[in-house]
N, C-alpha and C. Protein backbone atom coordinates (compact mmCIF):
# COMPACT_ATOMS: atom_id res chain seq x y z
N MET A 1 4.14 38.02 25.96
CA MET A 1 4.42 37.09 27.04
C MET A 1 3.97 35.65 26.75
N PRO A 2 2.80 35.46 26.11
CA PRO A 2 2.39 34.09 25.83
C PRO A 2 3.42 33.32 25.01
N ASN A 3 4.09 33.96 24.06
CA ASN A 3 5.10 33.27 23.25
C ASN A 3 6.27 32.81 24.11
N VAL A 4 6.64 33.61 25.09
CA VAL A 4 7.72 33.24 26.00
C VAL A 4 7.32 32.01 26.82
N LEU A 5 6.08 32.00 27.29
CA LEU A 5 5.59 30.85 28.07
C LEU A 5 5.51 29.60 27.20
N ARG A 6 5.02 29.75 25.97
CA ARG A 6 4.91 28.60 25.08
C ARG A 6 6.30 28.03 24.79
N LYS A 7 7.25 28.91 24.52
CA LYS A 7 8.61 28.46 24.24
C LYS A 7 9.22 27.76 25.45
N ALA A 8 9.00 28.31 26.64
CA ALA A 8 9.50 27.68 27.86
C ALA A 8 8.89 26.30 28.04
N TRP A 9 7.58 26.19 27.78
CA TRP A 9 6.91 24.90 27.91
C TRP A 9 7.46 23.89 26.89
N GLU A 10 7.52 24.29 25.62
CA GLU A 10 7.92 23.37 24.56
C GLU A 10 9.38 22.95 24.65
N GLU A 11 10.26 23.88 25.03
CA GLU A 11 11.69 23.59 25.00
C GLU A 11 12.27 23.12 26.32
N TYR A 12 11.63 23.47 27.43
CA TYR A 12 12.25 23.17 28.72
C TYR A 12 11.39 22.29 29.63
N LEU A 13 10.11 22.60 29.77
CA LEU A 13 9.28 21.87 30.73
C LEU A 13 8.71 20.58 30.16
N SER A 14 8.14 20.64 28.97
CA SER A 14 7.50 19.47 28.38
C SER A 14 8.43 18.26 28.26
N PRO A 15 9.68 18.43 27.80
CA PRO A 15 10.56 17.26 27.71
C PRO A 15 10.79 16.55 29.05
N PHE A 16 10.74 17.27 30.15
CA PHE A 16 10.93 16.65 31.47
C PHE A 16 9.73 15.81 31.88
N LEU A 17 8.55 16.13 31.36
CA LEU A 17 7.34 15.42 31.75
C LEU A 17 7.05 14.22 30.87
N GLN A 18 7.71 14.11 29.74
CA GLN A 18 7.48 12.99 28.84
C GLN A 18 8.17 11.74 29.36
N ARG A 19 7.49 10.63 29.16
CA ARG A 19 8.09 9.35 29.54
C ARG A 19 9.24 9.05 28.57
N PRO A 20 10.33 8.47 29.06
CA PRO A 20 11.41 8.11 28.13
C PRO A 20 10.95 7.01 27.18
N LYS A 21 11.50 7.01 25.98
CA LYS A 21 11.15 5.98 25.01
C LYS A 21 11.74 4.65 25.42
N ARG A 22 10.95 3.59 25.24
CA ARG A 22 11.45 2.24 25.43
C ARG A 22 11.88 1.72 24.06
N LEU A 23 12.73 0.72 24.06
CA LEU A 23 13.30 0.21 22.82
C LEU A 23 12.67 -1.12 22.45
N GLN A 24 12.33 -1.28 21.17
CA GLN A 24 11.94 -2.57 20.62
C GLN A 24 12.80 -2.83 19.38
N VAL A 25 12.79 -4.09 18.96
CA VAL A 25 13.49 -4.48 17.73
C VAL A 25 12.48 -5.13 16.80
N ALA A 26 12.68 -4.93 15.49
CA ALA A 26 11.73 -5.45 14.51
C ALA A 26 12.47 -6.09 13.35
N ALA A 27 11.79 -7.03 12.71
CA ALA A 27 12.33 -7.72 11.54
C ALA A 27 11.50 -7.32 10.32
N LEU A 28 12.14 -6.66 9.37
CA LEU A 28 11.50 -6.34 8.10
C LEU A 28 11.86 -7.47 7.14
N CYS A 29 10.97 -8.46 7.10
CA CYS A 29 11.22 -9.69 6.35
C CYS A 29 10.81 -9.50 4.89
N TYR A 30 11.66 -9.99 3.98
CA TYR A 30 11.36 -9.87 2.56
C TYR A 30 11.88 -11.10 1.82
N ARG A 31 11.36 -11.27 0.60
CA ARG A 31 11.84 -12.31 -0.31
C ARG A 31 11.61 -11.83 -1.73
N MET A 32 12.34 -12.42 -2.64
CA MET A 32 12.18 -12.10 -4.05
C MET A 32 11.23 -13.13 -4.67
N SER A 33 10.35 -12.65 -5.55
CA SER A 33 9.43 -13.54 -6.26
C SER A 33 9.38 -13.10 -7.71
N ASP A 34 8.62 -13.81 -8.51
CA ASP A 34 8.49 -13.45 -9.93
C ASP A 34 7.97 -12.02 -10.09
N GLY A 35 7.16 -11.59 -9.15
CA GLY A 35 6.59 -10.24 -9.22
C GLY A 35 7.44 -9.19 -8.55
N GLY A 36 8.67 -9.54 -8.17
CA GLY A 36 9.56 -8.58 -7.51
C GLY A 36 9.65 -8.84 -6.02
N LYS A 37 10.11 -7.85 -5.30
CA LYS A 37 10.32 -7.98 -3.86
C LYS A 37 8.98 -7.99 -3.13
N LYS A 38 8.85 -8.90 -2.16
CA LYS A 38 7.66 -9.00 -1.32
C LYS A 38 8.08 -8.86 0.14
N VAL A 39 7.22 -8.22 0.91
CA VAL A 39 7.46 -7.95 2.33
C VAL A 39 6.42 -8.72 3.14
N LEU A 40 6.83 -9.23 4.29
CA LEU A 40 5.94 -10.01 5.15
C LEU A 40 5.36 -9.12 6.25
N LEU A 41 4.03 -9.05 6.29
CA LEU A 41 3.33 -8.37 7.38
C LEU A 41 2.55 -9.39 8.19
N VAL A 42 2.35 -9.08 9.46
CA VAL A 42 1.53 -9.90 10.35
C VAL A 42 0.52 -8.99 11.04
N THR A 43 -0.54 -9.58 11.55
CA THR A 43 -1.50 -8.78 12.31
C THR A 43 -1.07 -8.71 13.76
N SER A 44 -1.35 -7.57 14.37
CA SER A 44 -1.11 -7.39 15.79
C SER A 44 -2.12 -8.24 16.56
N ARG A 45 -1.69 -8.83 17.67
CA ARG A 45 -2.60 -9.67 18.45
C ARG A 45 -3.71 -8.87 19.10
N ASP A 46 -3.40 -7.66 19.54
CA ASP A 46 -4.41 -6.91 20.28
C ASP A 46 -5.34 -6.08 19.40
N THR A 47 -4.84 -5.48 18.33
CA THR A 47 -5.69 -4.60 17.51
C THR A 47 -6.03 -5.19 16.14
N GLY A 48 -5.28 -6.18 15.68
CA GLY A 48 -5.52 -6.76 14.37
C GLY A 48 -4.98 -5.94 13.22
N ARG A 49 -4.29 -4.84 13.52
CA ARG A 49 -3.73 -4.02 12.44
C ARG A 49 -2.46 -4.68 11.91
N TRP A 50 -2.05 -4.28 10.70
CA TRP A 50 -0.88 -4.87 10.05
C TRP A 50 0.39 -4.22 10.57
N VAL A 51 1.37 -5.07 10.92
CA VAL A 51 2.65 -4.63 11.49
C VAL A 51 3.75 -5.55 10.95
N ILE A 52 5.00 -5.22 11.27
CA ILE A 52 6.09 -6.15 11.03
C ILE A 52 6.41 -6.82 12.37
N PRO A 53 6.97 -8.03 12.37
CA PRO A 53 7.29 -8.70 13.63
C PRO A 53 8.23 -7.84 14.47
N LYS A 54 7.88 -7.69 15.75
CA LYS A 54 8.70 -6.85 16.63
C LYS A 54 8.47 -7.26 18.07
N GLY A 55 9.39 -6.82 18.93
CA GLY A 55 9.24 -7.12 20.35
C GLY A 55 10.34 -6.47 21.16
N TRP A 56 10.31 -6.76 22.45
CA TRP A 56 11.28 -6.20 23.38
C TRP A 56 12.63 -6.90 23.24
N PRO A 57 13.72 -6.23 23.58
CA PRO A 57 15.03 -6.90 23.60
C PRO A 57 14.98 -8.13 24.52
N MET A 58 15.85 -9.08 24.26
CA MET A 58 15.86 -10.34 25.01
C MET A 58 17.21 -10.55 25.67
N ASP A 59 17.17 -11.03 26.90
CA ASP A 59 18.42 -11.37 27.60
C ASP A 59 19.15 -12.45 26.81
N GLY A 60 20.45 -12.28 26.66
CA GLY A 60 21.27 -13.28 25.98
C GLY A 60 21.28 -13.17 24.47
N LYS A 61 20.52 -12.21 23.91
CA LYS A 61 20.49 -12.03 22.45
C LYS A 61 20.80 -10.57 22.13
N ASN A 62 21.57 -10.36 21.06
CA ASN A 62 21.77 -8.98 20.61
C ASN A 62 20.52 -8.55 19.84
N ALA A 63 20.48 -7.31 19.41
CA ALA A 63 19.28 -6.77 18.77
C ALA A 63 18.89 -7.54 17.50
N PRO A 64 19.81 -7.82 16.56
CA PRO A 64 19.41 -8.59 15.38
C PRO A 64 18.91 -10.00 15.73
N GLU A 65 19.54 -10.65 16.70
CA GLU A 65 19.08 -11.99 17.11
C GLU A 65 17.68 -11.93 17.70
N ALA A 66 17.41 -10.90 18.50
CA ALA A 66 16.08 -10.75 19.08
C ALA A 66 15.04 -10.48 17.99
N ALA A 67 15.40 -9.67 17.00
CA ALA A 67 14.48 -9.40 15.88
C ALA A 67 14.18 -10.69 15.12
N MET A 68 15.20 -11.52 14.91
CA MET A 68 15.00 -12.79 14.22
C MET A 68 14.11 -13.72 15.04
N GLN A 69 14.28 -13.72 16.34
CA GLN A 69 13.42 -14.53 17.22
C GLN A 69 11.96 -14.08 17.10
N GLU A 70 11.74 -12.77 17.06
CA GLU A 70 10.38 -12.25 16.89
C GLU A 70 9.81 -12.68 15.54
N ALA A 71 10.64 -12.68 14.49
CA ALA A 71 10.18 -13.11 13.17
C ALA A 71 9.72 -14.57 13.21
N TRP A 72 10.41 -15.40 13.98
CA TRP A 72 10.02 -16.80 14.13
C TRP A 72 8.70 -16.89 14.91
N GLU A 73 8.67 -16.27 16.10
CA GLU A 73 7.51 -16.42 16.97
C GLU A 73 6.23 -15.84 16.36
N GLU A 74 6.34 -14.69 15.70
CA GLU A 74 5.15 -13.99 15.21
C GLU A 74 4.79 -14.32 13.77
N ALA A 75 5.76 -14.79 12.98
CA ALA A 75 5.49 -14.97 11.54
C ALA A 75 5.94 -16.31 10.98
N GLY A 76 6.63 -17.13 11.75
CA GLY A 76 7.06 -18.43 11.25
C GLY A 76 8.27 -18.40 10.35
N VAL A 77 9.10 -17.34 10.45
CA VAL A 77 10.33 -17.28 9.67
C VAL A 77 11.33 -18.24 10.32
N HIS A 78 11.59 -19.36 9.64
CA HIS A 78 12.46 -20.40 10.20
C HIS A 78 13.92 -20.14 9.88
N LYS A 79 14.19 -19.68 8.65
CA LYS A 79 15.57 -19.39 8.25
C LYS A 79 15.58 -18.10 7.44
N GLY A 80 16.66 -17.35 7.65
CA GLY A 80 16.82 -16.11 6.90
C GLY A 80 18.14 -15.46 7.22
N GLN A 81 18.54 -14.55 6.37
CA GLN A 81 19.77 -13.80 6.56
C GLN A 81 19.40 -12.41 7.06
N ILE A 82 19.84 -12.10 8.28
CA ILE A 82 19.51 -10.80 8.86
C ILE A 82 20.72 -9.87 8.78
N ASP A 83 20.46 -8.62 8.43
CA ASP A 83 21.52 -7.61 8.44
C ASP A 83 21.91 -7.31 9.88
N GLY A 84 23.19 -7.12 10.12
CA GLY A 84 23.67 -6.84 11.47
C GLY A 84 23.44 -5.41 11.92
N GLU A 85 23.15 -4.52 10.97
CA GLU A 85 22.91 -3.11 11.29
C GLU A 85 21.45 -2.77 11.00
N ALA A 86 20.86 -1.98 11.87
CA ALA A 86 19.48 -1.53 11.64
C ALA A 86 19.44 -0.64 10.39
N ILE A 87 18.39 -0.78 9.60
CA ILE A 87 18.23 0.06 8.41
C ILE A 87 17.52 1.37 8.76
N GLY A 88 17.02 1.46 9.96
CA GLY A 88 16.31 2.66 10.40
C GLY A 88 15.51 2.36 11.65
N HIS A 89 14.62 3.25 11.96
CA HIS A 89 13.76 3.06 13.13
C HIS A 89 12.42 3.75 12.88
N TYR A 90 11.44 3.39 13.70
CA TYR A 90 10.18 4.12 13.72
C TYR A 90 9.69 4.21 15.15
N ASP A 91 8.91 5.24 15.41
CA ASP A 91 8.39 5.49 16.75
C ASP A 91 6.88 5.26 16.75
N TYR A 92 6.37 4.80 17.88
CA TYR A 92 4.93 4.67 18.07
C TYR A 92 4.64 4.63 19.56
N ASP A 93 3.39 4.77 19.91
CA ASP A 93 2.98 4.66 21.31
C ASP A 93 2.33 3.30 21.51
N LYS A 94 2.90 2.51 22.41
CA LYS A 94 2.36 1.19 22.73
C LYS A 94 1.52 1.30 23.98
N GLU A 95 0.33 0.75 23.92
CA GLU A 95 -0.52 0.74 25.10
C GLU A 95 -0.23 -0.52 25.90
N LEU A 96 0.22 -0.33 27.13
CA LEU A 96 0.51 -1.46 28.00
C LEU A 96 -0.78 -2.06 28.55
N LYS A 97 -0.69 -3.23 29.18
CA LYS A 97 -1.87 -3.88 29.74
C LYS A 97 -2.58 -2.99 30.75
N SER A 98 -1.82 -2.10 31.40
CA SER A 98 -2.40 -1.17 32.37
C SER A 98 -3.22 -0.08 31.69
N GLY A 99 -3.11 0.02 30.35
CA GLY A 99 -3.80 1.07 29.61
C GLY A 99 -2.95 2.30 29.41
N LEU A 100 -1.78 2.33 30.02
CA LEU A 100 -0.88 3.47 29.93
C LEU A 100 -0.10 3.43 28.62
N PRO A 101 -0.14 4.51 27.82
CA PRO A 101 0.66 4.52 26.60
C PRO A 101 2.12 4.81 26.91
N VAL A 102 3.00 4.08 26.24
CA VAL A 102 4.44 4.25 26.43
C VAL A 102 5.06 4.53 25.06
N PRO A 103 5.86 5.60 24.93
CA PRO A 103 6.53 5.85 23.66
C PRO A 103 7.62 4.81 23.42
N VAL A 104 7.66 4.29 22.19
CA VAL A 104 8.60 3.22 21.83
C VAL A 104 9.37 3.63 20.58
N GLU A 105 10.68 3.41 20.62
CA GLU A 105 11.51 3.53 19.42
C GLU A 105 11.84 2.11 18.98
N THR A 106 11.52 1.78 17.73
CA THR A 106 11.70 0.43 17.21
C THR A 106 12.81 0.43 16.16
N LEU A 107 13.88 -0.32 16.45
CA LEU A 107 14.98 -0.49 15.49
C LEU A 107 14.59 -1.57 14.49
N VAL A 108 14.78 -1.31 13.21
CA VAL A 108 14.34 -2.22 12.15
C VAL A 108 15.54 -2.88 11.47
N TYR A 109 15.49 -4.22 11.40
CA TYR A 109 16.54 -5.03 10.77
C TYR A 109 15.94 -5.77 9.58
N LYS A 110 16.60 -5.70 8.42
CA LYS A 110 16.14 -6.42 7.23
C LYS A 110 16.50 -7.90 7.36
N VAL A 111 15.55 -8.75 6.97
CA VAL A 111 15.75 -10.20 6.97
C VAL A 111 15.36 -10.74 5.60
N GLU A 112 16.32 -11.34 4.89
CA GLU A 112 15.99 -12.02 3.64
C GLU A 112 15.57 -13.44 4.00
N VAL A 113 14.30 -13.74 3.83
CA VAL A 113 13.71 -15.00 4.27
C VAL A 113 14.03 -16.11 3.27
N SER A 114 14.50 -17.25 3.80
CA SER A 114 14.76 -18.40 2.94
C SER A 114 13.87 -19.60 3.27
N GLU A 115 13.29 -19.62 4.47
CA GLU A 115 12.41 -20.74 4.82
C GLU A 115 11.37 -20.30 5.84
N MET A 116 10.12 -20.68 5.57
CA MET A 116 8.99 -20.39 6.46
C MET A 116 8.41 -21.69 6.98
N ARG A 117 7.75 -21.62 8.11
CA ARG A 117 7.03 -22.76 8.68
C ARG A 117 5.57 -22.37 8.88
N GLU A 118 4.70 -23.35 8.74
CA GLU A 118 3.27 -23.13 8.98
C GLU A 118 2.95 -23.22 10.47
N ASP A 119 3.73 -24.02 11.19
CA ASP A 119 3.51 -24.22 12.62
C ASP A 119 4.55 -23.40 13.38
N PHE A 120 4.13 -22.31 14.00
CA PHE A 120 5.03 -21.44 14.76
C PHE A 120 4.29 -20.96 16.01
N PRO A 121 4.99 -20.44 17.00
CA PRO A 121 4.37 -20.17 18.30
C PRO A 121 3.08 -19.35 18.28
N GLU A 122 2.96 -18.34 17.44
CA GLU A 122 1.78 -17.48 17.46
C GLU A 122 0.90 -17.68 16.22
N ALA A 123 1.00 -18.84 15.59
CA ALA A 123 0.27 -19.11 14.35
C ALA A 123 -1.25 -18.95 14.52
N SER A 124 -1.77 -19.36 15.65
CA SER A 124 -3.22 -19.29 15.86
C SER A 124 -3.69 -17.89 16.25
N GLU A 125 -2.75 -16.98 16.50
CA GLU A 125 -3.11 -15.64 16.99
C GLU A 125 -2.93 -14.54 15.95
N ARG A 126 -2.32 -14.87 14.80
CA ARG A 126 -1.99 -13.84 13.82
C ARG A 126 -2.28 -14.32 12.40
N GLU A 127 -2.51 -13.35 11.53
CA GLU A 127 -2.51 -13.59 10.09
C GLU A 127 -1.17 -13.10 9.57
N ARG A 128 -0.74 -13.64 8.45
CA ARG A 128 0.47 -13.13 7.81
C ARG A 128 0.20 -13.02 6.32
N ARG A 129 0.89 -12.06 5.70
CA ARG A 129 0.65 -11.81 4.28
C ARG A 129 1.91 -11.26 3.62
N TRP A 130 2.23 -11.79 2.44
CA TRP A 130 3.33 -11.27 1.61
C TRP A 130 2.73 -10.27 0.64
N VAL A 131 3.28 -9.05 0.63
CA VAL A 131 2.78 -7.98 -0.24
C VAL A 131 3.97 -7.17 -0.77
N SER A 132 3.72 -6.37 -1.78
CA SER A 132 4.78 -5.49 -2.29
C SER A 132 5.13 -4.45 -1.22
N PRO A 133 6.34 -3.89 -1.26
CA PRO A 133 6.69 -2.85 -0.29
C PRO A 133 5.71 -1.67 -0.32
N GLU A 134 5.25 -1.28 -1.49
CA GLU A 134 4.30 -0.16 -1.59
C GLU A 134 2.98 -0.51 -0.92
N GLU A 135 2.48 -1.72 -1.18
CA GLU A 135 1.24 -2.15 -0.55
C GLU A 135 1.41 -2.24 0.97
N ALA A 136 2.56 -2.75 1.41
CA ALA A 136 2.84 -2.83 2.84
C ALA A 136 2.84 -1.44 3.46
N ALA A 137 3.45 -0.47 2.77
CA ALA A 137 3.49 0.91 3.28
C ALA A 137 2.08 1.46 3.45
N ASN A 138 1.17 1.07 2.57
CA ASN A 138 -0.22 1.53 2.68
C ASN A 138 -1.00 0.80 3.76
N MET A 139 -0.51 -0.34 4.20
CA MET A 139 -1.22 -1.14 5.20
C MET A 139 -0.81 -0.82 6.64
N VAL A 140 0.42 -0.34 6.84
CA VAL A 140 0.88 -0.04 8.20
C VAL A 140 0.52 1.40 8.56
N ARG A 141 0.50 1.68 9.84
CA ARG A 141 0.05 2.98 10.33
C ARG A 141 1.18 3.99 10.56
N GLU A 142 2.36 3.53 10.91
CA GLU A 142 3.44 4.41 11.35
C GLU A 142 4.14 5.08 10.16
N PRO A 143 4.16 6.42 10.11
CA PRO A 143 4.76 7.12 8.96
C PRO A 143 6.23 6.77 8.73
N GLN A 144 7.02 6.62 9.78
CA GLN A 144 8.45 6.30 9.59
C GLN A 144 8.62 4.89 9.02
N LEU A 145 7.77 3.96 9.42
CA LEU A 145 7.81 2.61 8.86
C LEU A 145 7.34 2.63 7.41
N GLN A 146 6.32 3.42 7.11
CA GLN A 146 5.87 3.57 5.72
C GLN A 146 7.03 4.02 4.84
N LYS A 147 7.80 4.98 5.33
CA LYS A 147 8.94 5.51 4.58
C LYS A 147 10.00 4.42 4.35
N LEU A 148 10.32 3.64 5.39
CA LEU A 148 11.29 2.55 5.24
C LEU A 148 10.82 1.55 4.19
N LEU A 149 9.55 1.22 4.21
CA LEU A 149 9.01 0.26 3.24
C LEU A 149 9.09 0.81 1.82
N ARG A 150 8.75 2.07 1.65
CA ARG A 150 8.79 2.66 0.31
C ARG A 150 10.21 2.78 -0.22
N GLU A 151 11.19 2.87 0.67
CA GLU A 151 12.59 2.98 0.25
C GLU A 151 13.20 1.63 -0.12
N MET A 152 12.47 0.55 0.11
CA MET A 152 12.99 -0.78 -0.26
C MET A 152 13.02 -0.89 -1.77
């Protein structure tokens, strides 16, 4: 009987109690250098951990445009070529200001960076660093994002 209850919980009841995933968009910014491909990471404002620029969808912008806007605001990417199709996604739990965790699915768009600025909206709140895709994969926490980085 316990197996029947566990199966009922896992397959039928638990999914009804989970909060629906919210959507974010992210920019996986990269450039070519003498040492090969480099990826841009920034620190999160609240935890200081390494992430790629990301945020909520924006009114009046499609997903790639919103991802590019986040790359500007969070990392100073002034010009770049963004792919129109997401290369993948990763999931994580975002803690809202209320302290409530919300599951988030983040669509990832590749951006080939051609111009950066030192003065950008969140410059005083974040660090940014260019690293190899492998090093970036070791710096971020989300397994699905690690996989996307390693596949670059």
